[in-house]
PDB file of N, CA and C in Angstrom:
ATOM      1  N   MET A   1     173.682  34.624 184.764  1.00  0.00           N
ATOM      2  CA  MET A   1     174.784  35.331 184.766  1.00  0.00           C
ATOM      3  C   MET A   1     174.293  37.065 184.778  1.00  0.00           C
ATOM      4  N   HIS A   2     175.093  37.868 185.703  1.00  0.00           N
ATOM      5  CA  HIS A   2     174.463  39.097 185.542  1.00  0.00           C
ATOM      6  C   HIS A   2     175.493  40.090 185.105  1.00  0.00           C
ATOM      7  N   TYR A   3     175.373  39.904 183.477  1.00  0.00           N
ATOM      8  CA  TYR A   3     176.258  40.580 182.523  1.00  0.00           C
ATOM      9  C   TYR A   3     176.484  42.324 182.450  1.00  0.00           C
ATOM     10  N   GLU A   4     175.158  42.722 182.724  1.00  0.00           N
ATOM     11  CA  GLU A   4     174.963  44.328 182.800  1.00  0.00           C
ATOM     12  C   GLU A   4     175.764  44.453 184.423  1.00  0.00           C
ATOM     13  N   LYS A   5     175.355  44.054 185.214  1.00  0.00           N
ATOM     14  CA  LYS A   5     176.438  44.267 186.802  1.00  0.00           C
ATOM     15  C   LYS A   5     177.710  44.424 186.553  1.00  0.00           C
ATOM     16  N   ILE A   6     178.389  43.308 185.550  1.00  0.00           N
ATOM     17  CA  ILE A   6     179.578  43.045 185.680  1.00  0.00           C
ATOM     18  C   ILE A   6     180.262  44.480 184.623  1.00  0.00           C
ATOM     19  N   LEU A   7     179.301  44.699 183.605  1.00  0.00           N
ATOM     20  CA  LEU A   7     179.918  45.757 182.622  1.00  0.00           C
ATOM     21  C   LEU A   7     179.896  47.272 183.820  1.00  0.00           C
ATOM     22  N   LYS A   8     178.802  47.227 184.473  1.00  0.00           N
ATOM     23  CA  LYS A   8     178.828  48.532 185.133  1.00  0.00           C
ATOM     24  C   LYS A   8     179.546  48.839 186.117  1.00  0.00           C
ATOM     25  N   SER A   9     179.948  47.694 186.829  1.00  0.00           N
ATOM     26  CA  SER A   9     180.912  47.513 187.861  1.00  0.00           C
ATOM     27  C   SER A   9     182.397  48.309 187.484  1.00  0.00           C
ATOM     28  N   LEU A  10     182.572  47.568 186.301  1.00  0.00           N
ATOM     29  CA  LEU A  10     184.154  48.009 185.537  1.00  0.00           C
ATOM     30  C   LEU A  10     183.862  49.193 185.197  1.00  0.00           C
ATOM     31  N   SER A  11     182.689  50.229 184.958  1.00  0.00           N
ATOM     32  CA  SER A  11     182.640  51.664 184.391  1.00  0.00           C
ATOM     33  C   SER A  11     183.403  52.197 185.460  1.00  0.00           C
ATOM     34  N   ASP A  12     183.503  51.850 186.822  1.00  0.00           N
ATOM     35  CA  ASP A  12     184.128  52.759 187.734  1.00  0.00           C
ATOM     36  C   ASP A  12     185.697  52.543 187.774  1.00  0.00           C
ATOM     37  N   ARG A  13     186.582  53.651 187.611  1.00  0.00           N
ATOM     38  CA  ARG A  13     187.958  53.712 187.094  1.00  0.00           C
ATOM     39  C   ARG A  13     188.555  52.944 188.410  1.00  0.00           C
ATOM     40  N   THR A  14     188.052  53.228 189.934  1.00  0.00           N
ATOM     41  CA  THR A  14     188.824  52.306 190.883  1.00  0.00           C
ATOM     42  C   THR A  14     188.703  50.912 190.604  1.00  0.00           C
ATOM     43  N   ARG A  15     187.598  50.645 190.418  1.00  0.00           N
ATOM     44  CA  ARG A  15     187.256  49.106 190.207  1.00  0.00           C
ATOM     45  C   ARG A  15     188.188  48.666 188.908  1.00  0.00           C
ATOM     46  N   LEU A  16     188.268  49.391 188.028  1.00  0.00           N
ATOM     47  CA  LEU A  16     188.701  48.974 186.897  1.00  0.00           C
ATOM     48  C   LEU A  16     190.243  48.816 187.252  1.00  0.00           C
ATOM     49  N   ARG A  17     191.114  49.741 187.966  1.00  0.00           N
ATOM     50  CA  ARG A  17     192.253  49.687 188.424  1.00  0.00           C
ATOM     51  C   ARG A  17     192.847  48.508 189.259  1.00  0.00           C
ATOM     52  N   ILE A  18     191.620  48.428 190.128  1.00  0.00           N
ATOM     53  CA  ILE A  18     192.013  46.854 191.255  1.00  0.00           C
ATOM     54  C   ILE A  18     191.862  45.917 190.170  1.00  0.00           C
ATOM     55  N   LEU A  19     190.879  45.703 189.072  1.00  0.00           N
ATOM     56  CA  LEU A  19     191.145  44.274 188.616  1.00  0.00           C
ATOM     57  C   LEU A  19     192.479  44.262 187.534  1.00  0.00           C
ATOM     58  N   TYR A  20     192.765  45.569 187.002  1.00  0.00           N
ATOM     59  CA  TYR A  20     193.972  45.493 185.925  1.00  0.00           C
ATOM     60  C   TYR A  20     195.425  45.415 187.163  1.00  0.00           C
ATOM     61  N   VAL A  21     195.215  45.644 188.473  1.00  0.00           N
ATOM     62  CA  VAL A  21     196.529  45.321 189.148  1.00  0.00           C
ATOM     63  C   VAL A  21     196.350  43.574 189.689  1.00  0.00           C
ATOM     64  N   LEU A  22     195.251  43.210 189.796  1.00  0.00           N
ATOM     65  CA  LEU A  22     195.245  42.018 190.338  1.00  0.00           C
ATOM     66  C   LEU A  22     196.013  40.857 188.917  1.00  0.00           C
ATOM     67  N   LEU A  23     195.690  41.373 187.682  1.00  0.00           N
ATOM     68  CA  LEU A  23     195.933  40.783 186.583  1.00  0.00           C
ATOM     69  C   LEU A  23     197.370  40.776 186.217  1.00  0.00           C
ATOM     70  N   LYS A  24     197.891  42.182 186.619  1.00  0.00           N
ATOM     71  CA  LYS A  24     199.328  42.436 186.673  1.00  0.00           C
ATOM     72  C   LYS A  24     200.179  41.532 187.968  1.00  0.00           C
ATOM     73  N   ALA A  25     199.788  41.591 189.002  1.00  0.00           N
ATOM     74  CA  ALA A  25     200.217  40.679 189.870  1.00  0.00           C
ATOM     75  C   ALA A  25     200.416  39.180 189.562  1.00  0.00           C
ATOM     76  N   LYS A  26     199.440  38.661 189.204  1.00  0.00           N
ATOM     77  CA  LYS A  26     199.414  37.252 188.616  1.00  0.00           C
ATOM     78  C   LYS A  26     199.358  36.427 190.180  1.00  0.00           C
ATOM     79  N   LYS A  27     199.048  37.140 191.237  1.00  0.00           N
ATOM     80  CA  LYS A  27     199.145  36.305 192.291  1.00  0.00           C
ATOM     81  C   LYS A  27     197.849  36.863 193.275  1.00  0.00           C
ATOM     82  N   GLU A  28     197.502  36.589 194.482  1.00  0.00           N
ATOM     83  CA  GLU A  28     196.698  36.987 195.348  1.00  0.00           C
ATOM     84  C   GLU A  28     197.479  38.285 195.903  1.00  0.00           C
ATOM     85  N   LEU A  29     196.654  39.498 196.216  1.00  0.00           N
ATOM     86  CA  LEU A  29     196.803  40.416 197.103  1.00  0.00           C
ATOM     87  C   LEU A  29     196.231  40.647 198.433  1.00  0.00           C
ATOM     88  N   CYS A  30     197.179  41.147 199.540  1.00  0.00           N
ATOM     89  CA  CYS A  30     196.287  41.493 200.482  1.00  0.00           C
ATOM     90  C   CYS A  30     196.042  42.953 200.136  1.00  0.00           C
ATOM     91  N   ILE A  31     194.850  43.187 201.110  1.00  0.00           N
ATOM     92  CA  ILE A  31     194.015  44.627 200.703  1.00  0.00           C
ATOM     93  C   ILE A  31     194.859  45.550 200.840  1.00  0.00           C
ATOM     94  N   CYS A  32     195.977  45.442 201.800  1.00  0.00           N
ATOM     95  CA  CYS A  32     196.682  46.555 202.022  1.00  0.00           C
ATOM     96  C   CYS A  32     198.050  46.514 201.201  1.00  0.00           C
ATOM     97  N   GLU A  33     198.062  45.861 200.187  1.00  0.00           N
ATOM     98  CA  GLU A  33     199.105  45.987 199.205  1.00  0.00           C
ATOM     99  C   GLU A  33     198.286  46.650 197.739  1.00  0.00           C
ATOM    100  N   ILE A  34     196.761  46.360 197.638  1.00  0.00           N
ATOM    101  CA  ILE A  34     195.812  46.983 196.823  1.00  0.00           C
ATOM    102  C   ILE A  34     196.044  48.462 197.175  1.00  0.00           C
ATOM    103  N   MET A  35     195.502  48.782 198.441  1.00  0.00           N
ATOM    104  CA  MET A  35     195.415  49.960 198.943  1.00  0.00           C
ATOM    105  C   MET A  35     196.720  51.002 198.616  1.00  0.00           C
ATOM    106  N   ASP A  36     198.045  50.372 198.907  1.00  0.00           N
ATOM    107  CA  ASP A  36     199.107  51.006 199.038  1.00  0.00           C
ATOM    108  C   ASP A  36     199.456  51.260 197.066  1.00  0.00           C
ATOM    109  N   THR A  37     199.133  50.352 196.259  1.00  0.00           N
ATOM    110  CA  THR A  37     199.277  50.102 194.647  1.00  0.00           C
ATOM    111  C   THR A  37     198.440  51.590 194.549  1.00  0.00           C
ATOM    112  N   LEU A  38     197.142  51.527 195.138  1.00  0.00           N
ATOM    113  CA  LEU A  38     196.245  52.458 194.263  1.00  0.00           C
ATOM    114  C   LEU A  38     196.116  53.909 195.056  1.00  0.00           C
ATOM    115  N   ALA A  39     196.728  53.968 196.344  1.00  0.00           N
ATOM    116  CA  ALA A  39     197.180  55.089 197.140  1.00  0.00           C
ATOM    117  C   ALA A  39     195.550  55.475 197.776  1.00  0.00           C
ATOM    118  N   LEU A  40     195.031  54.600 198.066  1.00  0.00           N
ATOM    119  CA  LEU A  40     193.702  54.736 198.353  1.00  0.00           C
ATOM    120  C   LEU A  40     193.394  53.924 200.290  1.00  0.00           C
ATOM    121  N   GLU A  41     192.321  54.565 200.593  1.00  0.00           N
ATOM    122  CA  GLU A  41     192.377  54.342 202.028  1.00  0.00           C
ATOM    123  C   GLU A  41     191.457  52.803 202.015  1.00  0.00           C
ATOM    124  N   HIS A  42     191.658  52.131 203.491  1.00  0.00           N
ATOM    125  CA  HIS A  42     190.615  51.060 203.165  1.00  0.00           C
ATOM    126  C   HIS A  42     189.432  51.016 203.143  1.00  0.00           C
ATOM    127  N   TYR A  43     188.853  51.754 203.729  1.00  0.00           N
ATOM    128  CA  TYR A  43     187.347  51.895 203.461  1.00  0.00           C
ATOM    129  C   TYR A  43     187.160  51.604 202.089  1.00  0.00           C
ATOM    130  N   ASN A  44     187.411  52.701 201.030  1.00  0.00           N
ATOM    131  CA  ASN A  44     187.387  52.827 199.625  1.00  0.00           C
ATOM    132  C   ASN A  44     187.890  51.553 198.996  1.00  0.00           C
ATOM    133  N   VAL A  45     189.047  51.231 199.348  1.00  0.00           N
ATOM    134  CA  VAL A  45     189.463  49.736 198.789  1.00  0.00           C
ATOM    135  C   VAL A  45     188.219  48.972 199.027  1.00  0.00           C
ATOM    136  N   SER A  46     187.708  48.584 200.147  1.00  0.00           N
ATOM    137  CA  SER A  46     186.832  47.474 200.723  1.00  0.00           C
ATOM    138  C   SER A  46     185.656  47.840 199.943  1.00  0.00           C
ATOM    139  N   LYS A  47     185.199  48.843 199.714  1.00  0.00           N
ATOM    140  CA  LYS A  47     183.600  49.447 199.327  1.00  0.00           C
ATOM    141  C   LYS A  47     183.851  48.589 197.607  1.00  0.00           C
ATOM    142  N   HIS A  48     184.833  48.885 196.923  1.00  0.00           N
ATOM    143  CA  HIS A  48     185.020  48.239 195.740  1.00  0.00           C
ATOM    144  C   HIS A  48     185.511  46.865 195.173  1.00  0.00           C
ATOM    145  N   MET A  49     186.129  46.246 196.585  1.00  0.00           N
ATOM    146  CA  MET A  49     186.340  44.636 196.640  1.00  0.00           C
ATOM    147  C   MET A  49     184.930  44.214 196.418  1.00  0.00           C
ATOM    148  N   LYS A  50     184.100  44.544 197.425  1.00  0.00           N
ATOM    149  CA  LYS A  50     182.701  44.159 197.819  1.00  0.00           C
ATOM    150  C   LYS A  50     182.101  44.035 196.419  1.00  0.00           C
ATOM    151  N   GLU A  51     181.910  45.147 195.875  1.00  0.00           N
ATOM    152  CA  GLU A  51     181.201  45.304 194.586  1.00  0.00           C
ATOM    153  C   GLU A  51     181.559  44.189 193.536  1.00  0.00           C
ATOM    154  N   LEU A  52     183.129  43.967 193.611  1.00  0.00           N
ATOM    155  CA  LEU A  52     183.979  43.082 192.272  1.00  0.00           C
ATOM    156  C   LEU A  52     183.771  41.594 193.034  1.00  0.00           C
ATOM    157  N   LYS A  53     183.346  41.497 194.040  1.00  0.00           N
ATOM    158  CA  LYS A  53     183.329  40.076 194.715  1.00  0.00           C
ATOM    159  C   LYS A  53     181.922  39.921 193.943  1.00  0.00           C
ATOM    160  N   VAL A  54     180.699  40.614 194.320  1.00  0.00           N
ATOM    161  CA  VAL A  54     179.427  40.253 194.089  1.00  0.00           C
ATOM    162  C   VAL A  54     179.310  39.915 192.443  1.00  0.00           C
ATOM    163  N   THR A  55     179.882  40.404 191.857  1.00  0.00           N
ATOM    164  CA  THR A  55     180.095  40.240 190.383  1.00  0.00           C
ATOM    165  C   THR A  55     180.906  39.131 190.007  1.00  0.00           C
ATOM    166  N   GLY A  56     181.488  38.391 190.885  1.00  0.00           N
ATOM    167  CA  GLY A  56     182.126  37.350 190.620  1.00  0.00           C
ATOM    168  C   GLY A  56     183.379  37.535 189.928  1.00  0.00           C
ATOM    169  N   LEU A  57     184.133  38.890 189.728  1.00  0.00           N
ATOM    170  CA  LEU A  57     185.284  38.855 189.033  1.00  0.00           C
ATOM    171  C   LEU A  57     186.350  38.494 190.172  1.00  0.00           C
ATOM    172  N   VAL A  58     186.485  38.689 190.871  1.00  0.00           N
ATOM    173  CA  VAL A  58     187.335  38.508 192.103  1.00  0.00           C
ATOM    174  C   VAL A  58     186.953  37.721 193.375  1.00  0.00           C
ATOM    175  N   LYS A  59     187.832  36.730 193.945  1.00  0.00           N
ATOM    176  CA  LYS A  59     187.708  36.305 195.062  1.00  0.00           C
ATOM    177  C   LYS A  59     188.231  36.481 196.243  1.00  0.00           C
ATOM    178  N   GLU A  60     188.220  36.228 197.469  1.00  0.00           N
ATOM    179  CA  GLU A  60     188.335  36.692 198.497  1.00  0.00           C
ATOM    180  C   GLU A  60     188.852  35.483 199.666  1.00  0.00           C
ATOM    181  N   GLN A  61     189.940  35.762 200.152  1.00  0.00           N
ATOM    182  CA  GLN A  61     190.164  34.569 201.392  1.00  0.00           C
ATOM    183  C   GLN A  61     191.229  35.438 202.375  1.00  0.00           C
ATOM    184  N   ARG A  62     190.416  34.910 203.297  1.00  0.00           N
ATOM    185  CA  ARG A  62     190.833  35.238 204.659  1.00  0.00           C
ATOM    186  C   ARG A  62     192.138  34.095 205.388  1.00  0.00           C
ATOM    187  N   SER A  63     193.068  34.926 206.122  1.00  0.00           N
ATOM    188  CA  SER A  63     193.915  34.216 206.542  1.00  0.00           C
ATOM    189  C   SER A  63     194.498  34.887 207.826  1.00  0.00           C
ATOM    190  N   GLY A  64     193.631  34.567 208.941  1.00  0.00           N
ATOM    191  CA  GLY A  64     194.158  35.595 210.308  1.00  0.00           C
ATOM    192  C   GLY A  64     193.670  36.670 210.193  1.00  0.00           C
ATOM    193  N   LYS A  65     194.284  37.981 210.368  1.00  0.00           N
ATOM    194  CA  LYS A  65     193.901  39.112 210.081  1.00  0.00           C
ATOM    195  C   LYS A  65     194.110  39.798 208.925  1.00  0.00           C
ATOM    196  N   PHE A  66     194.590  38.898 208.127  1.00  0.00           N
ATOM    197  CA  PHE A  66     194.757  39.325 206.576  1.00  0.00           C
ATOM    198  C   PHE A  66     193.715  38.567 205.685  1.00  0.00           C
ATOM    199  N   VAL A  67     193.341  39.713 204.911  1.00  0.00           N
ATOM    200  CA  VAL A  67     192.469  39.358 203.899  1.00  0.00           C
ATOM    201  C   VAL A  67     193.006  39.285 202.334  1.00  0.00           C
ATOM    202  N   PHE A  68     192.908  38.420 201.231  1.00  0.00           N
ATOM    203  CA  PHE A  68     193.776  38.458 200.260  1.00  0.00           C
ATOM    204  C   PHE A  68     192.454  38.285 198.979  1.00  0.00           C
ATOM    205  N   TYR A  69     192.911  38.929 197.681  1.00  0.00           N
ATOM    206  CA  TYR A  69     192.233  39.250 196.548  1.00  0.00           C
ATOM    207  C   TYR A  69     192.884  38.584 195.666  1.00  0.00           C
ATOM    208  N   ALA A  70     192.393  37.772 194.472  1.00  0.00           N
ATOM    209  CA  ALA A  70     192.653  37.323 193.207  1.00  0.00           C
ATOM    210  C   ALA A  70     191.616  37.318 192.609  1.00  0.00           C
ATOM    211  N   LEU A  71     191.590  37.154 191.125  1.00  0.00           N
ATOM    212  CA  LEU A  71     190.665  36.827 190.286  1.00  0.00           C
ATOM    213  C   LEU A  71     190.118  36.044 190.159  1.00  0.00           C
ATOM    214  N   ALA A  72     188.807  35.662 189.942  1.00  0.00           N
ATOM    215  CA  ALA A  72     187.861  34.728 190.624  1.00  0.00           C
ATOM    216  C   ALA A  72     188.318  33.488 188.988  1.00  0.00           C
ATOM    217  N   ASP A  73     188.274  32.470 189.643  1.00  0.00           N
ATOM    218  CA  ASP A  73     188.234  31.218 188.262  1.00  0.00           C
ATOM    219  C   ASP A  73     186.911  31.504 188.011  1.00  0.00           C
ATOM    220  N   ASN A  74     187.037  31.864 186.756  1.00  0.00           N
ATOM    221  CA  ASN A  74     185.105  31.810 185.802  1.00  0.00           C
ATOM    222  C   ASN A  74     185.454  31.042 184.804  1.00  0.00           C
ATOM    223  N   LYS A  75     184.589  30.236 184.469  1.00  0.00           N
ATOM    224  CA  LYS A  75     184.220  29.561 183.194  1.00  0.00           C
ATOM    225  C   LYS A  75     183.446  30.220 182.415  1.00  0.00           C
ATOM    226  N   ASP A  76     182.768  31.324 182.814  1.00  0.00           N
ATOM    227  CA  ASP A  76     181.975  32.062 181.694  1.00  0.00           C
ATOM    228  C   ASP A  76     182.575  32.727 180.691  1.00  0.00           C
ATOM    229  N   SER A  77     182.510  32.410 179.380  1.00  0.00           N
ATOM    230  CA  SER A  77     183.381  33.003 178.323  1.00  0.00           C
ATOM    231  C   SER A  77     183.140  35.054 178.154  1.00  0.00           C
ATOM    232  N   PHE A  78     182.214  35.201 178.269  1.00  0.00           N
ATOM    233  CA  PHE A  78     181.929  36.529 178.515  1.00  0.00           C
ATOM    234  C   PHE A  78     182.837  37.026 179.737  1.00  0.00           C
ATOM    235  N   VAL A  79     182.760  36.476 180.909  1.00  0.00           N
ATOM    236  CA  VAL A  79     183.404  37.251 181.760  1.00  0.00           C
ATOM    237  C   VAL A  79     185.293  36.859 181.408  1.00  0.00           C
ATOM    238  N   ARG A  80     185.653  35.809 180.793  1.00  0.00           N
ATOM    239  CA  ARG A  80     187.056  35.518 180.565  1.00  0.00           C
ATOM    240  C   ARG A  80     187.383  36.542 179.718  1.00  0.00           C
ATOM    241  N   ASN A  81     186.367  37.009 178.728  1.00  0.00           N
ATOM    242  CA  ASN A  81     186.636  37.952 177.713  1.00  0.00           C
ATOM    243  C   ASN A  81     186.793  39.055 178.197  1.00  0.00           C
ATOM    244  N   ILE A  82     185.718  39.652 179.024  1.00  0.00           N
ATOM    245  CA  ILE A  82     186.262  40.895 179.655  1.00  0.00           C
ATOM    246  C   ILE A  82     187.428  41.050 180.618  1.00  0.00           C
ATOM    247  N   VAL A  83     187.932  40.077 181.450  1.00  0.00           N
ATOM    248  CA  VAL A  83     189.028  40.063 181.868  1.00  0.00           C
ATOM    249  C   VAL A  83     190.032  40.384 180.938  1.00  0.00           C
ATOM    250  N   GLU A  84     189.990  39.394 179.861  1.00  0.00           N
ATOM    251  CA  GLU A  84     191.223  39.619 178.761  1.00  0.00           C
ATOM    252  C   GLU A  84     191.057  41.081 178.122  1.00  0.00           C
ATOM    253  N   ALA A  85     189.879  41.872 177.769  1.00  0.00           N
ATOM    254  CA  ALA A  85     189.778  43.094 177.446  1.00  0.00           C
ATOM    255  C   ALA A  85     190.733  43.985 178.753  1.00  0.00           C
ATOM    256  N   VAL A  86     190.318  43.599 179.751  1.00  0.00           N
ATOM    257  CA  VAL A  86     190.975  44.653 180.830  1.00  0.00           C
ATOM    258  C   VAL A  86     192.881  44.367 181.073  1.00  0.00           C
ATOM    259  N   ALA A  87     192.955  43.334 180.507  1.00  0.00           N
ATOM    260  CA  ALA A  87     194.373  42.867 180.529  1.00  0.00           C
ATOM    261  C   ALA A  87     194.945  43.844 179.486  1.00  0.00           C
ATOM    262  N   ALA A  88     194.273  44.104 178.166  1.00  0.00           N
ATOM    263  CA  ALA A  88     194.862  44.567 176.860  1.00  0.00           C
ATOM    264  C   ALA A  88     195.184  46.085 177.176  1.00  0.00           C
ATOM    265  N   ILE A  89     194.207  46.739 178.274  1.00  0.00           N
ATOM    266  CA  ILE A  89     194.519  47.800 178.239  1.00  0.00           C
ATOM    267  C   ILE A  89     196.118  48.079 178.227  1.00  0.00           C
ATOM    268  N   PRO A  90     196.266  49.404 177.545  1.00  0.00           N
ATOM    269  CA  PRO A  90     198.100  49.617 177.364  1.00  0.00           C
ATOM    270  C   PRO A  90     198.405  50.231 178.912  1.00  0.00           C
ATOM    271  N   GLU A  91     199.708  49.346 179.284  1.00  0.00           N
ATOM    272  CA  GLU A  91     200.128  49.824 180.650  1.00  0.00           C
ATOM    273  C   GLU A  91     200.288  51.359 181.054  1.00  0.00           C
ATOM    274  N   THR A  92     200.553  52.077 180.170  1.00  0.00           N
ATOM    275  CA  THR A  92     200.546  53.339 180.232  1.00  0.00           C
ATOM    276  C   THR A  92     199.244  54.414 180.779  1.00  0.00           C
ATOM    277  N   GLU A  93     198.301  53.635 180.611  1.00  0.00           N
ATOM    278  CA  GLU A  93     197.015  54.026 181.196  1.00  0.00           C
ATOM    279  C   GLU A  93     197.163  53.890 182.754  1.00  0.00           C
ATOM    280  N   PHE A  94     197.472  52.847 183.255  1.00  0.00           N
ATOM    281  CA  PHE A  94     197.764  52.391 184.667  1.00  0.00           C
ATOM    282  C   PHE A  94     199.297  52.412 185.304  1.00  0.00           C
ATOM    283  N   ASN A  95     200.048  53.649 184.489  1.00  0.00           N
ATOM    284  CA  ASN A  95     201.882  53.508 184.838  1.00  0.00           C
ATOM    285  C   ASN A  95     202.070  53.407 186.052  1.00  0.00           C
ATOM    286  N   GLU A  96     201.480  54.483 187.161  1.00  0.00           N
ATOM    287  CA  GLU A  96     201.709  55.006 188.203  1.00  0.00           C
ATOM    288  C   GLU A  96     201.221  53.502 189.338  1.00  0.00           C
ATOM    289  N   ASP A  97     200.060  52.896 188.820  1.00  0.00           N
ATOM    290  CA  ASP A  97     199.619  51.763 189.695  1.00  0.00           C
ATOM    291  C   ASP A  97     200.693  50.676 189.425  1.00  0.00           C
ATOM    292  N   THR A  98     201.066  50.372 188.275  1.00  0.00           N
ATOM    293  CA  THR A  98     202.345  49.318 188.001  1.00  0.00           C
ATOM    294  C   THR A  98     203.393  49.559 188.948  1.00  0.00           C
ATOM    295  N   LYS A  99     204.073  51.011 188.423  1.00  0.00           N
ATOM    296  CA  LYS A  99     205.270  51.051 189.516  1.00  0.00           C
ATOM    297  C   LYS A  99     205.116  51.029 191.072  1.00  0.00           C
ATOM    298  N   ARG A 100     203.619  51.355 191.556  1.00  0.00           N
ATOM    299  CA  ARG A 100     203.579  50.991 193.176  1.00  0.00           C
ATOM    300  C   ARG A 100     203.579  49.599 193.320  1.00  0.00           C
ATOM    301  N   LEU A 101     202.769  49.129 192.240  1.00  0.00           N
ATOM    302  CA  LEU A 101     202.506  47.406 192.615  1.00  0.00           C
ATOM    303  C   LEU A 101     204.027  46.682 192.782  1.00  0.00           C
ATOM    304  N   ASN A 102     204.666  46.795 191.806  1.00  0.00           N
ATOM    305  CA  ASN A 102     206.105  46.639 191.550  1.00  0.00           C
ATOM    306  C   ASN A 102     207.175  46.932 192.833  1.00  0.00           C
ATOM    307  N   LYS A 103     206.949  48.075 193.475  1.00  0.00           N
ATOM    308  CA  LYS A 103     207.415  48.402 194.502  1.00  0.00           C
ATOM    309  C   LYS A 103     206.872  47.926 195.514  1.00  0.00           C
ATOM    310  N   ARG A 104     205.909  47.556 195.893  1.00  0.00           N
ATOM    311  CA  ARG A 104     205.301  46.850 197.263  1.00  0.00           C
ATOM    312  C   ARG A 104     205.375  45.722 197.188  1.00  0.00           C
ATOM    313  N   LEU A 105     205.380  45.065 195.809  1.00  0.00           N
ATOM    314  CA  LEU A 105     205.646  43.358 195.923  1.00  0.00           C
ATOM    315  C   LEU A 105     207.068  43.321 196.549  1.00  0.00           C
ATOM    316  N   THR A 106     207.930  44.093 196.263  1.00  0.00           N
ATOM    317  CA  THR A 106     209.341  43.619 196.824  1.00  0.00           C
ATOM    318  C   THR A 106     209.336  43.782 198.359  1.00  0.00           C
ATOM    319  N   LEU A 107     208.600  44.194 198.692  1.00  0.00           N
ATOM    320  CA  LEU A 107     208.646  44.518 200.010  1.00  0.00           C
ATOM    321  C   LEU A 107     208.125  43.115 201.069  1.00  0.00           C
ATOM    322  N   ARG A 108     207.547  42.069 200.048  1.00  0.00           N
ATOM    323  CA  ARG A 108     207.032  40.722 200.885  1.00  0.00           C
ATOM    324  C   ARG A 108     208.008  40.139 201.461  1.00  0.00           C
ATOM    325  N   GLN A 109     208.020  39.614 202.533  1.00  0.00           N
ATOM    326  CA  GLN A 109     208.620  38.615 203.381  1.00  0.00           C
ATOM    327  C   GLN A 109     208.446  37.011 203.436  1.00  0.00           C
ATOM    328  N   ASN A 110     208.991  36.278 202.416  1.00  0.00           N
ATOM    329  CA  ASN A 110     208.820  35.056 202.448  1.00  0.00           C
ATOM    330  C   ASN A 110     207.712  34.836 201.522  1.00  0.00           C
ATOM    331  N   GLY A 111     207.491  35.704 200.482  1.00  0.00           N
ATOM    332  CA  GLY A 111     206.160  35.673 199.549  1.00  0.00           C
ATOM    333  C   GLY A 111     204.727  36.487 200.054  1.00  0.00           C
ATOM    334  N   LYS A 112     205.198  36.711 201.512  1.00  0.00           N
ATOM    335  CA  LYS A 112     203.916  37.076 202.223  1.00  0.00           C
ATOM    336  C   LYS A 112     203.665  38.789 202.536  1.00  0.00           C
ATOM    337  N   CYS A 113     202.388  39.007 202.833  1.00  0.00           N
ATOM    338  CA  CYS A 113     202.260  40.727 202.800  1.00  0.00           C
ATOM    339  C   CYS A 113     203.069  41.277 204.124  1.00  0.00           C
ATOM    340  N   VAL A 114     203.834  42.244 204.030  1.00  0.00           N
ATOM    341  CA  VAL A 114     204.208  43.154 205.210  1.00  0.00           C
ATOM    342  C   VAL A 114     203.086  44.601 205.536  1.00  0.00           C
ATOM    343  N   VAL A 115     203.586  45.604 206.215  1.00  0.00           N
ATOM    344  CA  VAL A 115     203.322  46.806 206.610  1.00  0.00           C
ATOM    345  C   VAL A 115     203.394  47.484 205.410  1.00  0.00           C
ATOM    346  N   GLY A 116     202.169  48.411 204.955  1.00  0.00           N
ATOM    347  CA  GLY A 116     202.154  49.187 203.593  1.00  0.00           C
ATOM    348  C   GLY A 116     202.995  50.252 203.508  1.00  0.00           C
ATOM    349  N   ILE A 117     203.811  50.710 202.375  1.00  0.00           N
ATOM    350  CA  ILE A 117     204.749  51.536 202.126  1.00  0.00           C
ATOM    351  C   ILE A 117     204.253  53.102 202.419  1.00  0.00           C
ATOM    352  N   LEU A 118     202.900  53.397 201.805  1.00  0.00           N
ATOM    353  CA  LEU A 118     202.443  54.715 202.047  1.00  0.00           C
ATOM    354  C   LEU A 118     202.153  54.866 203.480  1.00  0.00           C
ATOM    355  N   LYS A 119     201.858  54.178 204.217  1.00  0.00           N
ATOM    356  CA  LYS A 119     201.256  54.435 205.566  1.00  0.00           C
ATOM    357  C   LYS A 119     202.282  54.872 206.083  1.00  0.00           C
ATOM    358  N   LYS A 120     203.738  53.901 205.967  1.00  0.00           N
ATOM    359  CA  LYS A 120     204.833  54.649 206.350  1.00  0.00           C
ATOM    360  C   LYS A 120     205.573  56.206 205.976  1.00  0.00           C
ATOM    361  N   SER A 121     205.379  56.461 204.805  1.00  0.00           N
ATOM    362  CA  SER A 121     205.616  57.784 204.221  1.00  0.00           C
ATOM    363  C   SER A 121     204.503  58.665 205.032  1.00  0.00           C
ATOM    364  N   ARG A 122     203.474  58.274 205.081  1.00  0.00           N
ATOM    365  CA  ARG A 122     202.462  59.412 205.640  1.00  0.00           C
ATOM    366  C   ARG A 122     203.005  59.507 207.085  1.00  0.00           C
ATOM    367  N   LYS A 123     203.173  58.309 208.081  1.00  0.00           N
ATOM    368  CA  LYS A 123     203.438  58.846 209.239  1.00  0.00           C
ATOM    369  C   LYS A 123     204.875  59.607 209.424  1.00  0.00           C
ATOM    370  N   GLN A 124     205.974  59.488 208.253  1.00  0.00           N
ATOM    371  CA  GLN A 124     207.130  60.177 208.320  1.00  0.00           C
ATOM    372  C   GLN A 124     206.661  61.624 208.039  1.00  0.00           C
ATOM    373  N   LYS A 125     205.982  61.963 207.483  1.00  0.00           N
ATOM    374  CA  LYS A 125     205.713  63.232 206.898  1.00  0.00           C
ATOM    375  C   LYS A 125     204.858  64.339 208.349  1.00  0.00           C
ATOM    376  N   GLY A 126     203.914  63.270 208.895  1.00  0.00           N
ATOM    377  CA  GLY A 126     203.485  64.273 209.777  1.00  0.00           C
ATOM    378  C   GLY A 126     203.734  64.002 211.434  1.00  0.00           C
TER     379      GLY A 126
END
């Protein structure tokens, strides 16, 4: 196991936010749901998801044009403890992310992802 890599990956605030959001969601999230929740562009989120996959913290599943991410099932006690530590971060630290996540999840239809809310609001502004 590459413990140093795991710790280093979570020293980046965006990756920490992603892991926190996946923990709070308690379900797999489409990359566009993560983008909307964090208010970040696709490239940025994809780059961070790749790093989290390499460390084994998250897993990826593709379904047609959709890419879904969830916490990886990890039997290593170190990794489980790290994930528990992230879950213990006070919600106030990522309050805006949590609000956007909850709003975004209400847009699911039949439990599935739909077009991102932030993309819609950007188009309306421009």
